[in-house]
Amino acid sequence: AAVGGVMATTGVMTLRNPKRIPVILDELRALWESHPDWRLGQLIANLTRGCGLEDPFFVEDDPLLETIKNWNACTVRQEEAKHHGETQSQS
């Protein structure tokens, strides 16, 4: 389900669903904690490029969240593979 989509349109103003904020921040926190040496700007730049854009201003929340989740899943798989390799070398 989309978390960043439009919640309501009133006249000229479009309101985004505020429930998207903690969802995105939780995923972002997990990603940044898995790469603690990255600066915040570096993290944002990498995510922006992961969405196929150069300017973070134009990245919508849903593709950003999808990119973060994919990156987190990839990090988990890399850690599991690393741990599996360490376990096999100890046998």
N, C-alpha and C. Protein backbone atom coordinates (compact mmCIF):
# COMPACT_ATOMS: atom_id res chain seq x y z
N ALA A 1 0.84 -1.19 0.00
CA ALA A 1 0.00 0.00 0.00
C ALA A 1 0.88 1.24 0.00
N ALA A 2 0.46 2.21 -0.72
CA ALA A 2 1.21 3.47 -0.81
C ALA A 2 1.09 4.23 0.50
N VAL A 3 2.21 4.73 0.98
CA VAL A 3 2.19 5.49 2.23
C VAL A 3 2.31 6.99 1.99
N GLY A 4 2.86 7.38 0.88
CA GLY A 4 3.12 8.80 0.66
C GLY A 4 2.10 9.49 -0.21
N GLY A 5 1.12 8.73 -0.69
CA GLY A 5 0.15 9.28 -1.62
C GLY A 5 -0.69 10.39 -1.01
N VAL A 6 -1.46 10.98 -1.89
CA VAL A 6 -2.32 12.09 -1.49
C VAL A 6 -3.43 11.59 -0.58
N MET A 7 -3.60 12.26 0.54
CA MET A 7 -4.65 11.91 1.48
C MET A 7 -5.93 12.68 1.14
N ALA A 8 -5.81 13.95 0.84
CA ALA A 8 -6.97 14.77 0.54
C ALA A 8 -6.53 15.98 -0.26
N THR A 9 -7.41 16.46 -1.09
CA THR A 9 -7.15 17.68 -1.83
C THR A 9 -8.21 18.70 -1.43
N THR A 10 -7.75 19.84 -0.98
CA THR A 10 -8.67 20.90 -0.57
C THR A 10 -8.30 22.17 -1.30
N GLY A 11 -9.09 22.57 -2.27
CA GLY A 11 -8.76 23.77 -3.03
C GLY A 11 -7.45 23.64 -3.75
N VAL A 12 -6.49 24.47 -3.38
CA VAL A 12 -5.18 24.46 -4.02
C VAL A 12 -4.21 23.57 -3.26
N MET A 13 -4.47 23.33 -1.99
CA MET A 13 -3.54 22.61 -1.14
C MET A 13 -3.77 21.09 -1.19
N THR A 14 -2.69 20.35 -1.35
CA THR A 14 -2.75 18.89 -1.30
C THR A 14 -2.13 18.45 0.01
N LEU A 15 -2.86 17.65 0.75
CA LEU A 15 -2.35 17.15 2.03
C LEU A 15 -1.86 15.72 1.85
N ARG A 16 -0.67 15.46 2.31
CA ARG A 16 -0.11 14.11 2.25
C ARG A 16 -0.44 13.39 3.55
N ASN A 17 -0.50 12.10 3.47
CA ASN A 17 -0.84 11.29 4.63
C ASN A 17 0.29 11.36 5.65
N PRO A 18 0.04 11.90 6.84
CA PRO A 18 1.10 12.02 7.84
C PRO A 18 1.57 10.67 8.39
N LYS A 19 0.81 9.61 8.17
CA LYS A 19 1.21 8.28 8.66
C LYS A 19 2.43 7.75 7.92
N ARG A 20 2.78 8.38 6.80
CA ARG A 20 3.95 7.93 6.04
C ARG A 20 5.24 8.27 6.76
N ILE A 21 5.23 9.30 7.59
CA ILE A 21 6.46 9.82 8.19
C ILE A 21 7.15 8.79 9.07
N PRO A 22 6.49 8.19 10.09
CA PRO A 22 7.22 7.22 10.91
C PRO A 22 7.64 5.97 10.13
N VAL A 23 6.85 5.59 9.13
CA VAL A 23 7.21 4.42 8.31
C VAL A 23 8.52 4.68 7.58
N ILE A 24 8.60 5.82 6.93
CA ILE A 24 9.81 6.17 6.18
C ILE A 24 11.00 6.35 7.13
N LEU A 25 10.79 7.05 8.25
CA LEU A 25 11.89 7.30 9.18
C LEU A 25 12.42 6.00 9.80
N ASP A 26 11.55 5.04 10.09
CA ASP A 26 12.01 3.76 10.64
C ASP A 26 12.91 3.04 9.64
N GLU A 27 12.49 3.01 8.39
CA GLU A 27 13.29 2.36 7.35
C GLU A 27 14.60 3.12 7.12
N LEU A 28 14.52 4.44 7.12
CA LEU A 28 15.72 5.26 6.93
C LEU A 28 16.70 5.06 8.07
N ARG A 29 16.20 4.99 9.30
CA ARG A 29 17.05 4.75 10.46
C ARG A 29 17.78 3.41 10.33
N ALA A 30 17.07 2.38 9.92
CA ALA A 30 17.69 1.06 9.76
C ALA A 30 18.79 1.11 8.70
N LEU A 31 18.52 1.80 7.60
CA LEU A 31 19.52 1.90 6.54
C LEU A 31 20.74 2.65 7.01
N TRP A 32 20.53 3.80 7.65
CA TRP A 32 21.66 4.62 8.09
C TRP A 32 22.47 3.90 9.16
N GLU A 33 21.80 3.18 10.05
CA GLU A 33 22.52 2.44 11.09
C GLU A 33 23.34 1.30 10.50
N SER A 34 22.93 0.79 9.35
CA SER A 34 23.72 -0.27 8.71
C SER A 34 24.91 0.32 7.93
N HIS A 35 24.93 1.64 7.76
CA HIS A 35 26.03 2.35 7.10
C HIS A 35 26.40 3.57 7.94
N PRO A 36 26.91 3.36 9.16
CA PRO A 36 27.12 4.48 10.08
C PRO A 36 28.21 5.47 9.64
N ASP A 37 29.05 5.07 8.72
CA ASP A 37 30.10 5.99 8.26
C ASP A 37 29.60 6.98 7.21
N TRP A 38 28.40 6.75 6.67
CA TRP A 38 27.84 7.67 5.69
C TRP A 38 27.36 8.93 6.38
N ARG A 39 27.60 10.06 5.76
CA ARG A 39 27.03 11.32 6.21
C ARG A 39 25.57 11.37 5.74
N LEU A 40 24.75 12.20 6.39
CA LEU A 40 23.34 12.28 6.01
C LEU A 40 23.20 12.71 4.55
N GLY A 41 23.96 13.68 4.12
CA GLY A 41 23.90 14.12 2.73
C GLY A 41 24.27 13.01 1.76
N GLN A 42 25.25 12.21 2.15
CA GLN A 42 25.68 11.08 1.33
C GLN A 42 24.55 10.05 1.23
N LEU A 43 23.89 9.79 2.35
CA LEU A 43 22.77 8.86 2.38
C LEU A 43 21.66 9.34 1.45
N ILE A 44 21.31 10.61 1.55
CA ILE A 44 20.26 11.17 0.71
C ILE A 44 20.65 11.14 -0.76
N ALA A 45 21.89 11.48 -1.07
CA ALA A 45 22.35 11.45 -2.46
C ALA A 45 22.29 10.03 -3.02
N ASN A 46 22.72 9.05 -2.24
CA ASN A 46 22.69 7.66 -2.70
C ASN A 46 21.26 7.19 -2.94
N LEU A 47 20.35 7.56 -2.05
CA LEU A 47 18.95 7.18 -2.22
C LEU A 47 18.33 7.85 -3.42
N THR A 48 18.66 9.12 -3.63
CA THR A 48 18.13 9.86 -4.78
C THR A 48 18.55 9.18 -6.07
N ARG A 49 19.82 8.82 -6.15
CA ARG A 49 20.31 8.13 -7.35
C ARG A 49 19.66 6.76 -7.49
N GLY A 50 19.39 6.11 -6.34
CA GLY A 50 18.72 4.81 -6.36
C GLY A 50 17.31 4.90 -6.93
N CYS A 51 16.72 6.09 -6.84
CA CYS A 51 15.39 6.33 -7.43
C CYS A 51 15.49 6.81 -8.87
N GLY A 52 16.71 6.88 -9.39
CA GLY A 52 16.91 7.28 -10.78
C GLY A 52 16.86 8.78 -11.02
N LEU A 53 17.08 9.56 -9.97
CA LEU A 53 17.04 11.02 -10.10
C LEU A 53 18.32 11.62 -9.54
N GLU A 54 18.58 12.86 -9.89
CA GLU A 54 19.74 13.57 -9.36
C GLU A 54 19.37 14.55 -8.25
N ASP A 55 18.14 15.05 -8.28
CA ASP A 55 17.72 16.08 -7.35
C ASP A 55 16.71 15.48 -6.35
N PRO A 56 17.05 15.44 -5.06
CA PRO A 56 16.14 14.82 -4.08
C PRO A 56 14.80 15.54 -3.96
N PHE A 57 14.71 16.78 -4.42
CA PHE A 57 13.46 17.54 -4.35
C PHE A 57 12.34 16.82 -5.11
N PHE A 58 12.69 16.12 -6.18
CA PHE A 58 11.68 15.52 -7.05
C PHE A 58 11.36 14.07 -6.72
N VAL A 59 11.97 13.52 -5.68
CA VAL A 59 11.72 12.12 -5.31
C VAL A 59 10.44 12.05 -4.47
N GLU A 60 9.47 11.30 -4.97
CA GLU A 60 8.23 11.09 -4.21
C GLU A 60 8.49 10.07 -3.11
N ASP A 61 7.66 10.10 -2.08
CA ASP A 61 7.88 9.26 -0.91
C ASP A 61 7.78 7.76 -1.20
N ASP A 62 6.82 7.35 -2.02
CA ASP A 62 6.65 5.92 -2.28
C ASP A 62 7.86 5.28 -2.96
N PRO A 63 8.39 5.86 -4.05
CA PRO A 63 9.60 5.26 -4.64
C PRO A 63 10.81 5.36 -3.71
N LEU A 64 10.87 6.43 -2.91
CA LEU A 64 11.96 6.55 -1.95
C LEU A 64 11.88 5.42 -0.93
N LEU A 65 10.69 5.19 -0.39
CA LEU A 65 10.51 4.12 0.60
C LEU A 65 10.85 2.77 -0.01
N GLU A 66 10.42 2.54 -1.24
CA GLU A 66 10.72 1.27 -1.91
C GLU A 66 12.23 1.09 -2.07
N THR A 67 12.93 2.16 -2.43
CA THR A 67 14.39 2.10 -2.58
C THR A 67 15.06 1.79 -1.25
N ILE A 68 14.60 2.45 -0.18
CA ILE A 68 15.16 2.19 1.15
C ILE A 68 14.93 0.75 1.56
N LYS A 69 13.71 0.24 1.37
CA LYS A 69 13.40 -1.14 1.74
C LYS A 69 14.25 -2.13 0.94
N ASN A 70 14.42 -1.88 -0.35
CA ASN A 70 15.25 -2.76 -1.18
C ASN A 70 16.69 -2.75 -0.70
N TRP A 71 17.19 -1.57 -0.36
CA TRP A 71 18.56 -1.45 0.12
C TRP A 71 18.71 -2.17 1.46
N ASN A 72 17.73 -2.01 2.35
CA ASN A 72 17.77 -2.70 3.64
C ASN A 72 17.76 -4.21 3.45
N ALA A 73 16.92 -4.70 2.55
CA ALA A 73 16.85 -6.14 2.28
C ALA A 73 18.17 -6.66 1.73
N CYS A 74 18.80 -5.88 0.86
CA CYS A 74 20.09 -6.26 0.30
C CYS A 74 21.16 -6.31 1.39
N THR A 75 21.13 -5.34 2.29
CA THR A 75 22.09 -5.30 3.40
C THR A 75 21.93 -6.52 4.29
N VAL A 76 20.69 -6.88 4.58
CA VAL A 76 20.42 -8.06 5.41
C VAL A 76 20.95 -9.31 4.73
N ARG A 77 20.70 -9.44 3.42
CA ARG A 77 21.20 -10.62 2.69
C ARG A 77 22.72 -10.67 2.71
N GLN A 78 23.38 -9.52 2.57
CA GLN A 78 24.84 -9.48 2.60
C GLN A 78 25.36 -9.89 3.97
N GLU A 79 24.73 -9.42 5.02
CA GLU A 79 25.14 -9.78 6.38
C GLU A 79 24.93 -11.27 6.64
N GLU A 80 23.81 -11.81 6.16
CA GLU A 80 23.55 -13.24 6.34
C GLU A 80 24.57 -14.08 5.59
N ALA A 81 24.91 -13.67 4.38
CA ALA A 81 25.91 -14.39 3.59
C ALA A 81 27.28 -14.32 4.26
N LYS A 82 27.60 -13.16 4.80
CA LYS A 82 28.88 -12.99 5.50
C LYS A 82 28.92 -13.89 6.74
N HIS A 83 27.83 -13.88 7.49
CA HIS A 83 27.75 -14.72 8.69
C HIS A 83 27.81 -16.20 8.33
N HIS A 84 27.13 -16.58 7.25
CA HIS A 84 27.14 -17.98 6.80
C HIS A 84 28.54 -18.39 6.39
N GLY A 85 29.27 -17.51 5.72
CA GLY A 85 30.64 -17.79 5.31
C GLY A 85 31.56 -17.93 6.50
N GLU A 86 31.38 -17.09 7.54
CA GLU A 86 32.19 -17.18 8.75
C GLU A 86 31.91 -18.48 9.50
N THR A 87 30.65 -18.88 9.52
CA THR A 87 30.26 -20.12 10.21
C THR A 87 30.88 -21.32 9.51
N GLN A 88 30.86 -21.33 8.18
CA GLN A 88 31.42 -22.47 7.44
C GLN A 88 32.94 -22.53 7.58
N SER A 89 33.61 -21.38 7.65
CA SER A 89 35.06 -21.40 7.76
C SER A 89 35.51 -21.86 9.15
N GLN A 90 34.62 -21.75 10.15
CA GLN A 90 34.97 -22.19 11.51
C GLN A 90 34.78 -23.70 11.67
N SER A 91 34.07 -24.34 10.73
CA SER A 91 33.82 -25.79 10.86
C SER A 91 35.00 -26.60 10.42
